[in-house]
PDB file of N, CA and C in Angstrom:
ATOM      1  N   MET A   1       0.842  -1.177   0.000  1.00  0.00           N
ATOM      2  CA  MET A   1       0.000   0.000   0.000  1.00  0.00           C
ATOM      3  C   MET A   1       0.885   1.238   0.000  1.00  0.00           C
ATOM      4  N   LYS A   2       0.564   2.201  -0.856  1.00  0.00           N
ATOM      5  CA  LYS A   2       1.392   3.402  -0.918  1.00  0.00           C
ATOM      6  C   LYS A   2       1.158   4.264   0.318  1.00  0.00           C
ATOM      7  N   LYS A   3       2.143   5.110   0.623  1.00  0.00           N
ATOM      8  CA  LYS A   3       2.056   5.981   1.795  1.00  0.00           C
ATOM      9  C   LYS A   3       0.915   6.978   1.598  1.00  0.00           C
ATOM     10  N   MET A   4       0.076   7.075   2.610  1.00  0.00           N
ATOM     11  CA  MET A   4      -1.067   7.980   2.554  1.00  0.00           C
ATOM     12  C   MET A   4      -0.608   9.393   2.892  1.00  0.00           C
ATOM     13  N   PRO A   5      -1.131  10.378   2.181  1.00  0.00           N
ATOM     14  CA  PRO A   5      -0.778  11.759   2.509  1.00  0.00           C
ATOM     15  C   PRO A   5      -1.392  12.161   3.845  1.00  0.00           C
ATOM     16  N   GLN A   6      -0.692  13.037   4.571  1.00  0.00           N
ATOM     17  CA  GLN A   6      -1.253  13.567   5.811  1.00  0.00           C
ATOM     18  C   GLN A   6      -2.237  14.665   5.443  1.00  0.00           C
ATOM     19  N   ILE A   7      -3.455  14.527   5.936  1.00  0.00           N
ATOM     20  CA  ILE A   7      -4.536  15.451   5.592  1.00  0.00           C
ATOM     21  C   ILE A   7      -4.948  16.203   6.843  1.00  0.00           C
ATOM     22  N   SER A   8      -4.944  17.536   6.754  1.00  0.00           N
ATOM     23  CA  SER A   8      -5.326  18.371   7.898  1.00  0.00           C
ATOM     24  C   SER A   8      -6.839  18.313   8.111  1.00  0.00           C
ATOM     25  N   ASP A   9      -7.283  18.825   9.253  1.00  0.00           N
ATOM     26  CA  ASP A   9      -8.717  18.849   9.551  1.00  0.00           C
ATOM     27  C   ASP A   9      -9.501  19.604   8.470  1.00  0.00           C
ATOM     28  N   SER A  10      -8.985  20.740   8.044  1.00  0.00           N
ATOM     29  CA  SER A  10      -9.657  21.526   7.004  1.00  0.00           C
ATOM     30  C   SER A  10      -9.705  20.757   5.686  1.00  0.00           C
ATOM     31  N   GLU A  11      -8.612  20.103   5.365  1.00  0.00           N
ATOM     32  CA  GLU A  11      -8.568  19.317   4.130  1.00  0.00           C
ATOM     33  C   GLU A  11      -9.540  18.140   4.182  1.00  0.00           C
ATOM     34  N   TRP A  12      -9.763  17.588   5.384  1.00  0.00           N
ATOM     35  CA  TRP A  12     -10.745  16.502   5.530  1.00  0.00           C
ATOM     36  C   TRP A  12     -12.126  16.984   5.090  1.00  0.00           C
ATOM     37  N   SER A  13     -12.463  18.219   5.426  1.00  0.00           N
ATOM     38  CA  SER A  13     -13.770  18.765   5.023  1.00  0.00           C
ATOM     39  C   SER A  13     -13.918  18.755   3.515  1.00  0.00           C
ATOM     40  N   VAL A  14     -12.851  19.105   2.821  1.00  0.00           N
ATOM     41  CA  VAL A  14     -12.869  19.109   1.353  1.00  0.00           C
ATOM     42  C   VAL A  14     -12.923  17.683   0.832  1.00  0.00           C
ATOM     43  N   MET A  15     -12.120  16.796   1.418  1.00  0.00           N
ATOM     44  CA  MET A  15     -12.088  15.409   0.952  1.00  0.00           C
ATOM     45  C   MET A  15     -13.445  14.736   1.102  1.00  0.00           C
ATOM     46  N   LYS A  16     -14.141  15.004   2.190  1.00  0.00           N
ATOM     47  CA  LYS A  16     -15.464  14.391   2.383  1.00  0.00           C
ATOM     48  C   LYS A  16     -16.403  14.759   1.249  1.00  0.00           C
ATOM     49  N   ILE A  17     -16.313  15.978   0.776  1.00  0.00           N
ATOM     50  CA  ILE A  17     -17.151  16.411  -0.355  1.00  0.00           C
ATOM     51  C   ILE A  17     -16.729  15.668  -1.620  1.00  0.00           C
ATOM     52  N   LEU A  18     -15.427  15.561  -1.830  1.00  0.00           N
ATOM     53  CA  LEU A  18     -14.935  14.875  -3.031  1.00  0.00           C
ATOM     54  C   LEU A  18     -15.290  13.394  -3.015  1.00  0.00           C
ATOM     55  N   TRP A  19     -15.234  12.771  -1.848  1.00  0.00           N
ATOM     56  CA  TRP A  19     -15.612  11.353  -1.766  1.00  0.00           C
ATOM     57  C   TRP A  19     -17.093  11.173  -2.045  1.00  0.00           C
ATOM     58  N   GLU A  20     -17.884  12.137  -1.658  1.00  0.00           N
ATOM     59  CA  GLU A  20     -19.330  12.037  -1.851  1.00  0.00           C
ATOM     60  C   GLU A  20     -19.751  12.365  -3.285  1.00  0.00           C
ATOM     61  N   LYS A  21     -19.151  13.408  -3.848  1.00  0.00           N
ATOM     62  CA  LYS A  21     -19.535  13.865  -5.189  1.00  0.00           C
ATOM     63  C   LYS A  21     -18.279  14.186  -5.982  1.00  0.00           C
ATOM     64  N   SER A  22     -17.974  13.383  -6.945  1.00  0.00           N
ATOM     65  CA  SER A  22     -16.848  13.746  -7.799  1.00  0.00           C
ATOM     66  C   SER A  22     -17.036  13.103  -9.162  1.00  0.00           C
ATOM     67  N   PRO A  23     -16.496  13.682 -10.196  1.00  0.00           N
ATOM     68  CA  PRO A  23     -15.709  14.906 -10.172  1.00  0.00           C
ATOM     69  C   PRO A  23     -16.585  16.127  -9.858  1.00  0.00           C
ATOM     70  N   ILE A  24     -15.942  17.147  -9.275  1.00  0.00           N
ATOM     71  CA  ILE A  24     -16.650  18.336  -8.838  1.00  0.00           C
ATOM     72  C   ILE A  24     -15.730  19.543  -9.027  1.00  0.00           C
ATOM     73  N   THR A  25     -16.291  20.648  -9.424  1.00  0.00           N
ATOM     74  CA  THR A  25     -15.490  21.854  -9.643  1.00  0.00           C
ATOM     75  C   THR A  25     -15.199  22.554  -8.321  1.00  0.00           C
ATOM     76  N   ALA A  26     -14.218  23.439  -8.345  1.00  0.00           N
ATOM     77  CA  ALA A  26     -13.883  24.222  -7.152  1.00  0.00           C
ATOM     78  C   ALA A  26     -15.085  25.051  -6.712  1.00  0.00           C
ATOM     79  N   ASN A  27     -15.803  25.631  -7.664  1.00  0.00           N
ATOM     80  CA  ASN A  27     -16.977  26.442  -7.308  1.00  0.00           C
ATOM     81  C   ASN A  27     -18.066  25.601  -6.648  1.00  0.00           C
ATOM     82  N   GLU A  28     -18.202  24.354  -7.068  1.00  0.00           N
ATOM     83  CA  GLU A  28     -19.184  23.472  -6.433  1.00  0.00           C
ATOM     84  C   GLU A  28     -18.755  23.119  -5.002  1.00  0.00           C
ATOM     85  N   VAL A  29     -17.466  22.917  -4.808  1.00  0.00           N
ATOM     86  CA  VAL A  29     -16.945  22.659  -3.458  1.00  0.00           C
ATOM     87  C   VAL A  29     -17.204  23.889  -2.585  1.00  0.00           C
ATOM     88  N   ILE A  30     -16.943  25.062  -3.133  1.00  0.00           N
ATOM     89  CA  ILE A  30     -17.174  26.319  -2.406  1.00  0.00           C
ATOM     90  C   ILE A  30     -18.640  26.436  -2.009  1.00  0.00           C
ATOM     91  N   ASP A  31     -19.551  26.132  -2.941  1.00  0.00           N
ATOM     92  CA  ASP A  31     -20.987  26.216  -2.648  1.00  0.00           C
ATOM     93  C   ASP A  31     -21.383  25.297  -1.498  1.00  0.00           C
ATOM     94  N   VAL A  32     -20.816  24.106  -1.453  1.00  0.00           N
ATOM     95  CA  VAL A  32     -21.132  23.162  -0.374  1.00  0.00           C
ATOM     96  C   VAL A  32     -20.570  23.671   0.950  1.00  0.00           C
ATOM     97  N   LEU A  33     -19.314  24.110   0.945  1.00  0.00           N
ATOM     98  CA  LEU A  33     -18.658  24.507   2.194  1.00  0.00           C
ATOM     99  C   LEU A  33     -19.162  25.830   2.757  1.00  0.00           C
ATOM    100  N   LYS A  34     -19.702  26.696   1.901  1.00  0.00           N
ATOM    101  CA  LYS A  34     -20.173  27.973   2.446  1.00  0.00           C
ATOM    102  C   LYS A  34     -21.425  27.798   3.309  1.00  0.00           C
ATOM    103  N   LYS A  35     -22.058  26.626   3.227  1.00  0.00           N
ATOM    104  CA  LYS A  35     -23.212  26.325   4.086  1.00  0.00           C
ATOM    105  C   LYS A  35     -22.785  25.990   5.518  1.00  0.00           C
ATOM    106  N   THR A  36     -21.548  25.497   5.681  1.00  0.00           N
ATOM    107  CA  THR A  36     -21.117  25.038   7.000  1.00  0.00           C
ATOM    108  C   THR A  36     -19.871  25.743   7.532  1.00  0.00           C
ATOM    109  N   THR A  37     -19.221  26.552   6.704  1.00  0.00           N
ATOM    110  CA  THR A  37     -18.010  27.255   7.142  1.00  0.00           C
ATOM    111  C   THR A  37     -18.107  28.721   6.743  1.00  0.00           C
ATOM    112  N   GLU A  38     -17.167  29.479   7.243  1.00  0.00           N
ATOM    113  CA  GLU A  38     -17.059  30.889   6.849  1.00  0.00           C
ATOM    114  C   GLU A  38     -15.801  31.107   6.014  1.00  0.00           C
ATOM    115  N   TRP A  39     -15.320  30.030   5.406  1.00  0.00           N
ATOM    116  CA  TRP A  39     -14.098  30.115   4.617  1.00  0.00           C
ATOM    117  C   TRP A  39     -14.338  30.905   3.351  1.00  0.00           C
ATOM    118  N   ARG A  40     -13.325  31.661   2.965  1.00  0.00           N
ATOM    119  CA  ARG A  40     -13.373  32.418   1.712  1.00  0.00           C
ATOM    120  C   ARG A  40     -13.084  31.456   0.553  1.00  0.00           C
ATOM    121  N   PRO A  41     -13.586  31.776  -0.625  1.00  0.00           N
ATOM    122  CA  PRO A  41     -13.300  30.924  -1.788  1.00  0.00           C
ATOM    123  C   PRO A  41     -11.808  30.697  -2.018  1.00  0.00           C
ATOM    124  N   THR A  42     -10.982  31.708  -1.765  1.00  0.00           N
ATOM    125  CA  THR A  42      -9.536  31.534  -1.958  1.00  0.00           C
ATOM    126  C   THR A  42      -8.966  30.497  -0.993  1.00  0.00           C
ATOM    127  N   THR A  43      -9.510  30.446   0.205  1.00  0.00           N
ATOM    128  CA  THR A  43      -9.062  29.444   1.185  1.00  0.00           C
ATOM    129  C   THR A  43      -9.374  28.041   0.686  1.00  0.00           C
ATOM    130  N   ILE A  44     -10.574  27.866   0.167  1.00  0.00           N
ATOM    131  CA  ILE A  44     -10.992  26.545  -0.325  1.00  0.00           C
ATOM    132  C   ILE A  44     -10.158  26.135  -1.536  1.00  0.00           C
ATOM    133  N   LYS A  45      -9.871  27.083  -2.411  1.00  0.00           N
ATOM    134  CA  LYS A  45      -9.029  26.782  -3.577  1.00  0.00           C
ATOM    135  C   LYS A  45      -7.611  26.428  -3.133  1.00  0.00           C
ATOM    136  N   THR A  46      -7.126  27.091  -2.085  1.00  0.00           N
ATOM    137  CA  THR A  46      -5.806  26.759  -1.538  1.00  0.00           C
ATOM    138  C   THR A  46      -5.809  25.337  -0.986  1.00  0.00           C
ATOM    139  N   LEU A  47      -6.875  24.959  -0.266  1.00  0.00           N
ATOM    140  CA  LEU A  47      -6.972  23.594   0.263  1.00  0.00           C
ATOM    141  C   LEU A  47      -6.964  22.575  -0.874  1.00  0.00           C
ATOM    142  N   LEU A  48      -7.695  22.848  -1.945  1.00  0.00           N
ATOM    143  CA  LEU A  48      -7.696  21.948  -3.102  1.00  0.00           C
ATOM    144  C   LEU A  48      -6.290  21.832  -3.693  1.00  0.00           C
ATOM    145  N   SER A  49      -5.587  22.953  -3.824  1.00  0.00           N
ATOM    146  CA  SER A  49      -4.221  22.939  -4.370  1.00  0.00           C
ATOM    147  C   SER A  49      -3.286  22.113  -3.499  1.00  0.00           C
ATOM    148  N   ARG A  50      -3.413  22.268  -2.179  1.00  0.00           N
ATOM    149  CA  ARG A  50      -2.571  21.485  -1.269  1.00  0.00           C
ATOM    150  C   ARG A  50      -2.837  19.995  -1.422  1.00  0.00           C
ATOM    151  N   LEU A  51      -4.114  19.643  -1.548  1.00  0.00           N
ATOM    152  CA  LEU A  51      -4.475  18.227  -1.692  1.00  0.00           C
ATOM    153  C   LEU A  51      -3.940  17.661  -3.010  1.00  0.00           C
ATOM    154  N   VAL A  52      -3.930  18.473  -4.050  1.00  0.00           N
ATOM    155  CA  VAL A  52      -3.347  18.044  -5.325  1.00  0.00           C
ATOM    156  C   VAL A  52      -1.847  17.818  -5.143  1.00  0.00           C
ATOM    157  N   LYS A  53      -1.157  18.769  -4.499  1.00  0.00           N
ATOM    158  CA  LYS A  53       0.298  18.642  -4.278  1.00  0.00           C
ATOM    159  C   LYS A  53       0.634  17.424  -3.428  1.00  0.00           C
ATOM    160  N   LYS A  54      -0.235  17.091  -2.486  1.00  0.00           N
ATOM    161  CA  LYS A  54      -0.006  15.930  -1.615  1.00  0.00           C
ATOM    162  C   LYS A  54      -0.311  14.608  -2.307  1.00  0.00           C
ATOM    163  N   GLY A  55      -0.940  14.668  -3.473  1.00  0.00           N
ATOM    164  CA  GLY A  55      -1.286  13.446  -4.185  1.00  0.00           C
ATOM    165  C   GLY A  55      -2.584  12.804  -3.726  1.00  0.00           C
ATOM    166  N   ALA A  56      -3.374  13.544  -2.962  1.00  0.00           N
ATOM    167  CA  ALA A  56      -4.658  13.021  -2.491  1.00  0.00           C
ATOM    168  C   ALA A  56      -5.772  13.298  -3.478  1.00  0.00           C
ATOM    169  N   VAL A  57      -5.578  14.300  -4.332  1.00  0.00           N
ATOM    170  CA  VAL A  57      -6.612  14.747  -5.261  1.00  0.00           C
ATOM    171  C   VAL A  57      -5.999  14.932  -6.646  1.00  0.00           C
ATOM    172  N   GLY A  58      -6.780  14.559  -7.640  1.00  0.00           N
ATOM    173  CA  GLY A  58      -6.398  14.802  -9.024  1.00  0.00           C
ATOM    174  C   GLY A  58      -7.394  15.759  -9.650  1.00  0.00           C
ATOM    175  N   PHE A  59      -7.088  16.200 -10.864  1.00  0.00           N
ATOM    176  CA  PHE A  59      -8.017  17.103 -11.537  1.00  0.00           C
ATOM    177  C   PHE A  59      -7.940  16.913 -13.043  1.00  0.00           C
ATOM    178  N   GLU A  60      -9.011  17.315 -13.686  1.00  0.00           N
ATOM    179  CA  GLU A  60      -9.070  17.353 -15.144  1.00  0.00           C
ATOM    180  C   GLU A  60      -9.417  18.776 -15.538  1.00  0.00           C
ATOM    181  N   LYS A  61      -8.739  19.270 -16.558  1.00  0.00           N
ATOM    182  CA  LYS A  61      -9.011  20.623 -17.036  1.00  0.00           C
ATOM    183  C   LYS A  61      -9.838  20.523 -18.306  1.00  0.00           C
ATOM    184  N   ASN A  62     -10.978  21.212 -18.307  1.00  0.00           N
ATOM    185  CA  ASN A  62     -11.845  21.268 -19.473  1.00  0.00           C
ATOM    186  C   ASN A  62     -12.082  22.747 -19.775  1.00  0.00           C
ATOM    187  N   ASN A  63     -11.404  23.247 -20.793  1.00  0.00           N
ATOM    188  CA  ASN A  63     -11.380  24.685 -21.079  1.00  0.00           C
ATOM    189  C   ASN A  63     -10.786  25.397 -19.869  1.00  0.00           C
ATOM    190  N   ARG A  64     -11.556  26.250 -19.209  1.00  0.00           N
ATOM    191  CA  ARG A  64     -11.045  26.977 -18.040  1.00  0.00           C
ATOM    192  C   ARG A  64     -11.577  26.413 -16.726  1.00  0.00           C
ATOM    193  N   THR A  65     -12.237  25.272 -16.793  1.00  0.00           N
ATOM    194  CA  THR A  65     -12.834  24.667 -15.604  1.00  0.00           C
ATOM    195  C   THR A  65     -12.034  23.444 -15.178  1.00  0.00           C
ATOM    196  N   TYR A  66     -11.738  23.391 -13.885  1.00  0.00           N
ATOM    197  CA  TYR A  66     -11.047  22.248 -13.308  1.00  0.00           C
ATOM    198  C   TYR A  66     -12.053  21.414 -12.540  1.00  0.00           C
ATOM    199  N   SER A  67     -12.046  20.117 -12.786  1.00  0.00           N
ATOM    200  CA  SER A  67     -12.884  19.184 -12.039  1.00  0.00           C
ATOM    201  C   SER A  67     -11.965  18.324 -11.185  1.00  0.00           C
ATOM    202  N   TYR A  68     -12.260  18.262  -9.891  1.00  0.00           N
ATOM    203  CA  TYR A  68     -11.414  17.563  -8.926  1.00  0.00           C
ATOM    204  C   TYR A  68     -12.034  16.235  -8.528  1.00  0.00           C
ATOM    205  N   TYR A  69     -11.166  15.273  -8.215  1.00  0.00           N
ATOM    206  CA  TYR A  69     -11.611  13.949  -7.789  1.00  0.00           C
ATOM    207  C   TYR A  69     -10.556  13.352  -6.859  1.00  0.00           C
ATOM    208  N   PRO A  70     -10.975  12.490  -5.934  1.00  0.00           N
ATOM    209  CA  PRO A  70     -10.020  11.905  -4.989  1.00  0.00           C
ATOM    210  C   PRO A  70      -9.150  10.847  -5.658  1.00  0.00           C
ATOM    211  N   LEU A  71      -7.893  10.810  -5.246  1.00  0.00           N
ATOM    212  CA  LEU A  71      -6.965   9.769  -5.697  1.00  0.00           C
ATOM    213  C   LEU A  71      -6.755   8.716  -4.608  1.00  0.00           C
ATOM    214  N   VAL A  72      -7.268   8.999  -3.424  1.00  0.00           N
ATOM    215  CA  VAL A  72      -7.178   8.067  -2.293  1.00  0.00           C
ATOM    216  C   VAL A  72      -8.592   7.792  -1.803  1.00  0.00           C
ATOM    217  N   THR A  73      -8.815   6.594  -1.308  1.00  0.00           N
ATOM    218  CA  THR A  73     -10.152   6.248  -0.842  1.00  0.00           C
ATOM    219  C   THR A  73     -10.361   6.746   0.589  1.00  0.00           C
ATOM    220  N   GLU A  74     -11.608   6.957   0.920  1.00  0.00           N
ATOM    221  CA  GLU A  74     -11.946   7.374   2.272  1.00  0.00           C
ATOM    222  C   GLU A  74     -11.527   6.293   3.268  1.00  0.00           C
ATOM    223  N   ASP A  75     -11.776   5.043   2.934  1.00  0.00           N
ATOM    224  CA  ASP A  75     -11.438   3.934   3.815  1.00  0.00           C
ATOM    225  C   ASP A  75      -9.940   3.894   4.110  1.00  0.00           C
ATOM    226  N   ASP A  76      -9.109   4.058   3.085  1.00  0.00           N
ATOM    227  CA  ASP A  76      -7.658   4.048   3.292  1.00  0.00           C
ATOM    228  C   ASP A  76      -7.208   5.228   4.149  1.00  0.00           C
ATOM    229  N   CYS A  77      -7.817   6.398   3.935  1.00  0.00           N
ATOM    230  CA  CYS A  77      -7.463   7.578   4.740  1.00  0.00           C
ATOM    231  C   CYS A  77      -7.884   7.414   6.190  1.00  0.00           C
ATOM    232  N   VAL A  78      -9.054   6.843   6.418  1.00  0.00           N
ATOM    233  CA  VAL A  78      -9.521   6.619   7.790  1.00  0.00           C
ATOM    234  C   VAL A  78      -8.595   5.630   8.500  1.00  0.00           C
ATOM    235  N   LYS A  79      -8.205   4.571   7.814  1.00  0.00           N
ATOM    236  CA  LYS A  79      -7.298   3.585   8.418  1.00  0.00           C
ATOM    237  C   LYS A  79      -5.951   4.213   8.757  1.00  0.00           C
ATOM    238  N   ALA A  80      -5.405   5.003   7.834  1.00  0.00           N
ATOM    239  CA  ALA A  80      -4.112   5.647   8.076  1.00  0.00           C
ATOM    240  C   ALA A  80      -4.211   6.642   9.228  1.00  0.00           C
ATOM    241  N   GLU A  81      -5.296   7.404   9.264  1.00  0.00           N
ATOM    242  CA  GLU A  81      -5.485   8.378  10.348  1.00  0.00           C
ATOM    243  C   GLU A  81      -5.662   7.672  11.688  1.00  0.00           C
ATOM    244  N   SER A  82      -6.366   6.546  11.682  1.00  0.00           N
ATOM    245  CA  SER A  82      -6.554   5.776  12.915  1.00  0.00           C
ATOM    246  C   SER A  82      -5.224   5.267  13.452  1.00  0.00           C
ATOM    247  N   LYS A  83      -4.384   4.745  12.554  1.00  0.00           N
ATOM    248  CA  LYS A  83      -3.065   4.268  12.977  1.00  0.00           C
ATOM    249  C   LYS A  83      -2.221   5.419  13.514  1.00  0.00           C
ATOM    250  N   SER A  84      -2.282   6.555  12.847  1.00  0.00           N
ATOM    251  CA  SER A  84      -1.528   7.726  13.280  1.00  0.00           C
ATOM    252  C   SER A  84      -1.989   8.190  14.663  1.00  0.00           C
ATOM    253  N   PHE A  85      -3.301   8.232  14.864  1.00  0.00           N
ATOM    254  CA  PHE A  85      -3.875   8.634  16.146  1.00  0.00           C
ATOM    255  C   PHE A  85      -3.435   7.671  17.244  1.00  0.00           C
ATOM    256  N   LEU A  86      -3.546   6.385  16.975  1.00  0.00           N
ATOM    257  CA  LEU A  86      -3.179   5.366  17.955  1.00  0.00           C
ATOM    258  C   LEU A  86      -1.711   5.503  18.356  1.00  0.00           C
ATOM    259  N   LYS A  87      -0.858   5.723  17.379  1.00  0.00           N
ATOM    260  CA  LYS A  87       0.570   5.862  17.657  1.00  0.00           C
ATOM    261  C   LYS A  87       0.868   7.164  18.395  1.00  0.00           C
ATOM    262  N   ARG A  88       0.260   8.258  17.938  1.00  0.00           N
ATOM    263  CA  ARG A  88       0.525   9.587  18.498  1.00  0.00           C
ATOM    264  C   ARG A  88       0.003   9.730  19.926  1.00  0.00           C
ATOM    265  N   VAL A  89      -1.221   9.283  20.172  1.00  0.00           N
ATOM    266  CA  VAL A  89      -1.867   9.513  21.461  1.00  0.00           C
ATOM    267  C   VAL A  89      -1.607   8.378  22.450  1.00  0.00           C
ATOM    268  N   TYR A  90      -1.609   7.147  21.974  1.00  0.00           N
ATOM    269  CA  TYR A  90      -1.489   5.995  22.877  1.00  0.00           C
ATOM    270  C   TYR A  90      -0.187   5.221  22.705  1.00  0.00           C
ATOM    271  N   GLY A  91       0.760   5.786  21.984  1.00  0.00           N
ATOM    272  CA  GLY A  91       2.033   5.095  21.788  1.00  0.00           C
ATOM    273  C   GLY A  91       1.865   3.766  21.090  1.00  0.00           C
ATOM    274  N   GLY A  92       0.798   3.625  20.332  1.00  0.00           N
ATOM    275  CA  GLY A  92       0.530   2.387  19.604  1.00  0.00           C
ATOM    276  C   GLY A  92      -0.198   1.339  20.426  1.00  0.00           C
ATOM    277  N   GLY A  93      -0.514   1.655  21.684  1.00  0.00           N
ATOM    278  CA  GLY A  93      -1.152   0.696  22.577  1.00  0.00           C
ATOM    279  C   GLY A  93      -2.663   0.619  22.385  1.00  0.00           C
ATOM    280  N   LEU A  94      -3.102  -0.350  21.611  1.00  0.00           N
ATOM    281  CA  LEU A  94      -4.524  -0.514  21.319  1.00  0.00           C
ATOM    282  C   LEU A  94      -5.327  -0.827  22.575  1.00  0.00           C
ATOM    283  N   LYS A  95      -4.783  -1.676  23.449  1.00  0.00           N
ATOM    284  CA  LYS A  95      -5.522  -2.042  24.667  1.00  0.00           C
ATOM    285  C   LYS A  95      -5.798  -0.818  25.539  1.00  0.00           C
ATOM    286  N   MET A  96      -4.813   0.072  25.661  1.00  0.00           N
ATOM    287  CA  MET A  96      -5.004   1.268  26.474  1.00  0.00           C
ATOM    288  C   MET A  96      -6.080   2.177  25.855  1.00  0.00           C
ATOM    289  N   MET A  97      -6.074   2.294  24.543  1.00  0.00           N
ATOM    290  CA  MET A  97      -7.081   3.121  23.880  1.00  0.00           C
ATOM    291  C   MET A  97      -8.482   2.542  24.108  1.00  0.00           C
ATOM    292  N   ILE A  98      -8.629   1.260  23.916  1.00  0.00           N
ATOM    293  CA  ILE A  98      -9.937   0.623  24.093  1.00  0.00           C
ATOM    294  C   ILE A  98     -10.395   0.762  25.539  1.00  0.00           C
ATOM    295  N   ALA A  99      -9.479   0.560  26.473  1.00  0.00           N
ATOM    296  CA  ALA A  99      -9.832   0.702  27.888  1.00  0.00           C
ATOM    297  C   ALA A  99     -10.310   2.120  28.188  1.00  0.00           C
ATOM    298  N   ASN A 100      -9.633   3.118  27.646  1.00  0.00           N
ATOM    299  CA  ASN A 100     -10.060   4.508  27.850  1.00  0.00           C
ATOM    300  C   ASN A 100     -11.444   4.756  27.277  1.00  0.00           C
ATOM    301  N   PHE A 101     -11.686   4.287  26.069  1.00  0.00           N
ATOM    302  CA  PHE A 101     -12.995   4.491  25.453  1.00  0.00           C
ATOM    303  C   PHE A 101     -14.097   3.770  26.218  1.00  0.00           C
ATOM    304  N   LEU A 102     -13.812   2.554  26.680  1.00  0.00           N
ATOM    305  CA  LEU A 102     -14.814   1.811  27.449  1.00  0.00           C
ATOM    306  C   LEU A 102     -15.133   2.526  28.763  1.00  0.00           C
ATOM    307  N   GLU A 103     -14.129   3.179  29.329  1.00  0.00           N
ATOM    308  CA  GLU A 103     -14.316   3.889  30.595  1.00  0.00           C
ATOM    309  C   GLU A 103     -15.160   5.156  30.414  1.00  0.00           C
ATOM    310  N   ILE A 104     -14.990   5.869  29.313  1.00  0.00           N
ATOM    311  CA  ILE A 104     -15.670   7.156  29.154  1.00  0.00           C
ATOM    312  C   ILE A 104     -16.979   7.074  28.378  1.00  0.00           C
ATOM    313  N   GLU A 105     -17.203   6.005  27.653  1.00  0.00           N
ATOM    314  CA  GLU A 105     -18.407   5.886  26.831  1.00  0.00           C
ATOM    315  C   GLU A 105     -19.463   5.026  27.522  1.00  0.00           C
ATOM    316  N   ASP A 106     -20.718   5.417  27.363  1.00  0.00           N
ATOM    317  CA  ASP A 106     -21.831   4.592  27.828  1.00  0.00           C
ATOM    318  C   ASP A 106     -22.215   3.657  26.686  1.00  0.00           C
ATOM    319  N   LEU A 107     -22.007   2.365  26.890  1.00  0.00           N
ATOM    320  CA  LEU A 107     -22.297   1.388  25.847  1.00  0.00           C
ATOM    321  C   LEU A 107     -23.614   0.692  26.139  1.00  0.00           C
ATOM    322  N   SER A 108     -24.408   0.549  25.096  1.00  0.00           N
ATOM    323  CA  SER A 108     -25.656  -0.204  25.236  1.00  0.00           C
ATOM    324  C   SER A 108     -25.339  -1.693  25.149  1.00  0.00           C
ATOM    325  N   GLU A 109     -26.320  -2.516  25.491  1.00  0.00           N
ATOM    326  CA  GLU A 109     -26.143  -3.970  25.341  1.00  0.00           C
ATOM    327  C   GLU A 109     -25.818  -4.305  23.889  1.00  0.00           C
ATOM    328  N   GLY A 110     -26.483  -3.615  22.971  1.00  0.00           N
ATOM    329  CA  GLY A 110     -26.227  -3.847  21.539  1.00  0.00           C
ATOM    330  C   GLY A 110     -24.798  -3.508  21.158  1.00  0.00           C
ATOM    331  N   ASP A 111     -24.282  -2.400  21.697  1.00  0.00           N
ATOM    332  CA  ASP A 111     -22.895  -2.018  21.438  1.00  0.00           C
ATOM    333  C   ASP A 111     -21.939  -3.096  21.940  1.00  0.00           C
ATOM    334  N   ILE A 112     -22.195  -3.597  23.144  1.00  0.00           N
ATOM    335  CA  ILE A 112     -21.333  -4.609  23.749  1.00  0.00           C
ATOM    336  C   ILE A 112     -21.376  -5.901  22.934  1.00  0.00           C
ATOM    337  N   GLU A 113     -22.556  -6.293  22.492  1.00  0.00           N
ATOM    338  CA  GLU A 113     -22.682  -7.492  21.660  1.00  0.00           C
ATOM    339  C   GLU A 113     -21.943  -7.310  20.331  1.00  0.00           C
ATOM    340  N   GLU A 114     -22.046  -6.132  19.752  1.00  0.00           N
ATOM    341  CA  GLU A 114     -21.352  -5.835  18.491  1.00  0.00           C
ATOM    342  C   GLU A 114     -19.838  -5.938  18.687  1.00  0.00           C
ATOM    343  N   LEU A 115     -19.331  -5.395  19.782  1.00  0.00           N
ATOM    344  CA  LEU A 115     -17.898  -5.490  20.075  1.00  0.00           C
ATOM    345  C   LEU A 115     -17.475  -6.944  20.270  1.00  0.00           C
ATOM    346  N   ARG A 116     -18.296  -7.713  20.984  1.00  0.00           N
ATOM    347  CA  ARG A 116     -17.985  -9.142  21.180  1.00  0.00           C
ATOM    348  C   ARG A 116     -17.937  -9.869  19.839  1.00  0.00           C
ATOM    349  N   ARG A 117     -18.915  -9.575  18.989  1.00  0.00           N
ATOM    350  CA  ARG A 117     -18.955 -10.217  17.669  1.00  0.00           C
ATOM    351  C   ARG A 117     -17.701  -9.877  16.861  1.00  0.00           C
ATOM    352  N   MET A 118     -17.290  -8.607  16.898  1.00  0.00           N
ATOM    353  CA  MET A 118     -16.118  -8.177  16.162  1.00  0.00           C
ATOM    354  C   MET A 118     -14.858  -8.861  16.693  1.00  0.00           C
ATOM    355  N   LEU A 119     -14.757  -8.984  18.013  1.00  0.00           N
ATOM    356  CA  LEU A 119     -13.591  -9.643  18.614  1.00  0.00           C
ATOM    357  C   LEU A 119     -13.576 -11.139  18.285  1.00  0.00           C
ATOM    358  N   ASP A 120     -14.768 -11.764  18.307  1.00  0.00           N
ATOM    359  CA  ASP A 120     -14.851 -13.191  17.964  1.00  0.00           C
ATOM    360  C   ASP A 120     -14.429 -13.433  16.523  1.00  0.00           C
ATOM    361  N   GLU A 121     -14.806 -12.526  15.631  1.00  0.00           N
ATOM    362  CA  GLU A 121     -14.411 -12.665  14.229  1.00  0.00           C
ATOM    363  C   GLU A 121     -12.905 -12.531  14.040  1.00  0.00           C
ATOM    364  N   LYS A 122     -12.289 -11.770  14.929  1.00  0.00           N
ATOM    365  CA  LYS A 122     -10.848 -11.519  14.836  1.00  0.00           C
ATOM    366  C   LYS A 122     -10.017 -12.730  15.248  1.00  0.00           C
ATOM    367  N   LYS A 123     -10.627 -13.672  16.024  1.00  0.00           N
ATOM    368  CA  LYS A 123      -9.893 -14.851  16.521  1.00  0.00           C
ATOM    369  C   LYS A 123      -9.374 -15.713  15.416  1.00  0.00           C
TER     370      LYS A 123
END
């Protein structure tokens, strides 16, 4: 598997749009993000440019319009980010992370059964 680019929180917002709808123009991305952010169009275009430079996003030029699309899957990015988080915050210790989450989260019986099922499948 190729090395996944590091994606900032702001870039994640752009990537989520690209994973949902692509190819998509910069103006279409701007229209979506202006509903939930106060970012200027230049900021959003800068985020798209950074994602292109990082190899996370590709584009096609049609006359003067650029259409952007993801080059990495959401699933691969989530897995890479999860590994990074686990290493950064818990020193790679999965048991400590799970113990912390179990301590702070209220789990329903269904949640507990789902976790048991997932662990049984892992055996």
